[in-house]
Amino acid sequence: MPVPIRRLFVALSLCCALLAGATACGSATEDATQNTAAVVAAAAATPSPSTTAERQRLAKTRFVANAGLAAGATYQWIVKPWKAGKFKKGASGRRFALVKAGLAGAFAYNRLKAAKKNAQGDPTLSKALAPLTAGIDSLKDLPSKLRKGDSTDATASSFDDIINKVKDAGKSAGAEVTDKVPSAGQLAGGS
């Protein structure tokens, strides 16, 4: 049975179209791979938005902000109540003061660790803060002691001493730290 020419022509056209489409897709994939590789290489060669000098400048600024928050929380909720005698047994509002001091201690520890990390971005700050890293790490268990009311005099003075040493280290490196009292939301959130 003879096949009409029209059907033969349609079948031949479809085969050519499929063959041309498959060939075009193959070369498009190779071009896309080459284009993707070119984009990745260009992105790697492009300088990042924060250059090394900018990171160092921002490191000092972030150090001041984090250390200031730690100092403000320590003074407001640990040192001030401690000096007022709020942590002594039988004092009015002792339990509430101890809970706030525990939260403030955890917050201050968190911010001091962040300040220590920020100081690593600036050579002067890094050298000034290096001797204090052991002191900052020693504060890790003190917030839980504050919440429980264990040895509050030693705990409060430990926080005060470390904060003052961090402030002095920042001042010697040209990054003067001032107390910034965090909001209740920041204190409860831990950052």
Protein backbone atom coordinates (compact mmCIF):
# COMPACT_ATOMS: atom_id res chain seq x y z
CA MET A 1 0.00 0.00 0.00
CA PRO A 2 1.48 3.21 -1.11
CA VAL A 3 1.90 5.95 1.49
CA PRO A 4 0.61 9.32 0.47
CA ILE A 5 3.29 11.88 -0.05
CA ARG A 6 1.68 14.23 2.40
CA ARG A 7 2.08 11.71 5.29
CA LEU A 8 5.64 11.03 4.25
CA PHE A 9 6.39 14.72 4.22
CA VAL A 10 4.84 15.22 7.72
CA ALA A 11 6.78 12.27 9.16
CA LEU A 12 10.03 13.51 7.65
CA SER A 13 9.40 17.05 8.96
CA LEU A 14 8.71 15.74 12.48
CA CYS A 15 11.89 13.65 12.48
CA CYS A 16 13.98 16.63 11.37
CA ALA A 17 12.35 18.88 13.97
CA LEU A 18 13.01 16.38 16.75
CA LEU A 19 16.57 15.88 15.62
CA ALA A 20 17.20 19.62 15.39
CA GLY A 21 15.57 20.18 18.79
CA ALA A 22 17.67 17.51 20.46
CA THR A 23 20.83 18.96 18.96
CA ALA A 24 19.86 22.49 20.02
CA CYS A 25 19.14 21.35 23.60
CA GLY A 26 22.49 19.62 23.83
CA SER A 27 24.45 22.69 22.81
CA ALA A 28 22.29 24.91 25.04
CA THR A 29 23.15 22.76 28.04
CA GLU A 30 26.86 23.06 27.28
CA ASP A 31 26.50 26.84 26.84
CA ALA A 32 24.55 27.10 30.08
CA THR A 33 27.23 25.13 31.92
CA GLN A 34 29.93 27.39 30.49
CA ASN A 35 27.87 30.50 31.37
CA THR A 36 27.31 29.25 34.92
CA ALA A 37 31.02 28.60 35.33
CA ALA A 38 31.77 32.11 34.04
CA VAL A 39 29.29 33.67 36.49
CA VAL A 40 30.79 31.72 39.41
CA ALA A 41 34.32 32.75 38.42
CA ALA A 42 33.26 36.40 38.08
CA ALA A 43 31.56 36.31 41.49
CA ALA A 44 34.69 34.87 43.09
CA ALA A 45 36.85 37.57 41.50
CA THR A 46 34.52 40.39 42.59
CA PRO A 47 35.47 41.83 45.98
CA SER A 48 32.93 41.22 48.71
CA PRO A 49 30.94 44.20 49.99
CA SER A 50 32.83 44.17 53.28
CA THR A 51 36.53 44.38 52.59
CA THR A 52 39.13 43.54 55.23
CA ALA A 53 39.50 47.18 56.30
CA GLU A 54 35.74 47.58 56.56
CA ARG A 55 35.44 44.38 58.62
CA GLN A 56 38.04 45.73 61.03
CA ARG A 57 36.23 49.04 61.38
CA LEU A 58 32.93 47.30 61.92
CA ALA A 59 34.59 44.88 64.34
CA LYS A 60 35.50 47.76 66.63
CA THR A 61 31.99 49.22 66.39
CA ARG A 62 30.36 45.87 67.08
CA PHE A 63 32.75 45.26 69.97
CA VAL A 64 31.73 48.58 71.55
CA ALA A 65 28.02 47.81 71.09
CA ASN A 66 28.21 44.27 72.50
CA ALA A 67 30.50 45.15 75.40
CA GLY A 68 28.33 48.19 76.19
CA LEU A 69 25.21 46.03 76.39
CA ALA A 70 27.01 43.53 78.62
CA ALA A 71 28.26 46.32 80.87
CA GLY A 72 24.82 47.94 81.08
CA ALA A 73 23.06 44.68 81.94
CA THR A 74 25.69 43.81 84.53
CA TYR A 75 25.53 47.16 86.23
CA GLN A 76 21.73 47.52 86.14
CA TRP A 77 20.70 44.04 87.25
CA ILE A 78 23.72 42.58 89.03
CA VAL A 79 26.04 45.24 90.51
CA LYS A 80 23.43 47.82 91.54
CA PRO A 81 21.17 45.33 93.40
CA TRP A 82 24.25 43.68 94.91
CA LYS A 83 25.46 47.01 96.31
CA ALA A 84 21.93 47.76 97.55
CA GLY A 85 21.88 44.45 99.45
CA LYS A 86 19.05 42.89 97.42
CA PHE A 87 20.85 39.52 97.27
CA LYS A 88 21.15 39.09 101.05
CA LYS A 89 18.94 36.51 102.75
CA GLY A 90 15.73 38.05 104.01
CA ALA A 91 15.94 41.09 101.71
CA SER A 92 12.68 42.32 100.23
CA GLY A 93 12.35 41.18 96.59
CA ARG A 94 15.40 38.93 96.82
CA ARG A 95 14.02 36.14 94.66
CA PHE A 96 12.95 38.48 91.88
CA ALA A 97 16.31 40.29 92.01
CA LEU A 98 18.13 36.95 91.77
CA VAL A 99 16.08 35.84 88.76
CA LYS A 100 16.72 39.15 86.99
CA ALA A 101 20.41 38.90 87.87
CA GLY A 102 20.55 35.39 86.44
CA LEU A 103 18.97 36.55 83.17
CA ALA A 104 21.27 39.56 83.08
CA GLY A 105 24.27 37.30 83.72
CA ALA A 106 23.34 35.00 80.85
CA PHE A 107 22.77 38.02 78.61
CA ALA A 108 26.08 39.61 79.63
CA TYR A 109 27.96 36.35 79.04
CA ASN A 110 26.38 36.05 75.57
CA ARG A 111 27.29 39.64 74.66
CA LEU A 112 30.85 39.29 76.04
CA LYS A 113 31.39 36.21 73.86
CA ALA A 114 30.11 38.19 70.87
CA ALA A 115 32.41 41.10 71.79
CA LYS A 116 35.34 38.68 72.05
CA LYS A 117 34.52 37.38 68.57
CA ASN A 118 34.26 40.95 67.24
CA ALA A 119 37.62 41.84 68.78
CA GLN A 120 39.26 39.13 66.69
CA GLY A 121 38.55 41.25 63.59
CA ASP A 122 40.75 44.09 64.84
CA PRO A 123 44.43 43.40 65.61
CA THR A 124 44.68 46.03 68.38
CA LEU A 125 41.52 44.87 70.11
CA SER A 126 42.52 41.25 69.73
CA LYS A 127 45.81 41.85 71.53
CA ALA A 128 44.15 43.90 74.27
CA LEU A 129 41.40 41.35 74.89
CA ALA A 130 43.56 38.20 74.64
CA PRO A 131 44.40 38.05 78.38
CA LEU A 132 40.69 38.33 79.26
CA THR A 133 39.39 35.35 77.28
CA ALA A 134 39.86 32.97 80.21
CA GLY A 135 38.00 35.40 82.48
CA ILE A 136 35.11 35.70 80.04
CA ASP A 137 34.93 31.92 79.69
CA SER A 138 34.89 31.57 83.49
CA LEU A 139 31.60 33.52 83.59
CA LYS A 140 29.79 30.66 81.86
CA ASP A 141 28.44 29.02 85.04
CA LEU A 142 27.90 32.21 87.02
CA PRO A 143 24.40 33.05 85.68
CA SER A 144 23.00 29.76 87.00
CA LYS A 145 24.67 30.45 90.35
CA LEU A 146 23.06 33.88 90.41
CA ARG A 147 19.62 32.39 89.71
CA LYS A 148 20.06 29.90 92.54
CA GLY A 149 21.46 32.52 94.89
CA ASP A 150 24.76 30.66 95.43
CA SER A 151 27.65 32.88 96.53
CA THR A 152 26.10 36.03 95.07
CA ASP A 153 28.78 38.36 96.48
CA ALA A 154 31.60 36.54 94.68
CA THR A 155 29.51 36.11 91.54
CA ALA A 156 28.50 39.76 91.35
CA SER A 157 32.04 40.95 91.95
CA SER A 158 33.33 38.52 89.28
CA PHE A 159 30.99 40.00 86.69
CA ASP A 160 31.90 43.52 87.74
CA ASP A 161 35.64 42.79 87.55
CA ILE A 162 35.48 41.19 84.10
CA ILE A 163 33.30 44.00 82.73
CA ASN A 164 35.73 46.62 84.04
CA LYS A 165 38.69 44.76 82.52
CA VAL A 166 36.90 44.52 79.15
CA LYS A 167 36.14 48.26 79.30
CA ASP A 168 39.80 49.02 80.08
CA ALA A 169 40.99 46.75 77.24
CA GLY A 170 38.63 48.50 74.83
CA LYS A 171 39.78 51.92 75.99
CA SER A 172 43.45 50.96 75.53
CA ALA A 173 42.65 49.83 71.98
CA GLY A 174 40.80 53.03 71.10
CA ALA A 175 37.30 51.60 71.47
CA GLU A 176 35.82 53.18 74.58
CA VAL A 177 32.91 51.19 75.97
CA THR A 178 29.98 52.95 77.63
CA ASP A 179 27.18 51.22 79.53
CA LYS A 180 24.00 50.64 77.52
CA VAL A 181 21.14 49.14 79.47
CA PRO A 182 19.35 46.57 77.29
CA SER A 183 15.59 46.51 77.04
CA ALA A 184 13.60 43.81 78.82
CA GLY A 185 12.95 42.17 75.44
CA GLN A 186 16.67 42.02 74.66
CA LEU A 187 17.38 40.65 78.12
CA ALA A 188 14.70 37.95 77.84
CA GLY A 189 15.71 37.12 74.24
CA GLY A 190 19.39 36.86 75.08
CA SER A 191 20.62 39.01 72.18
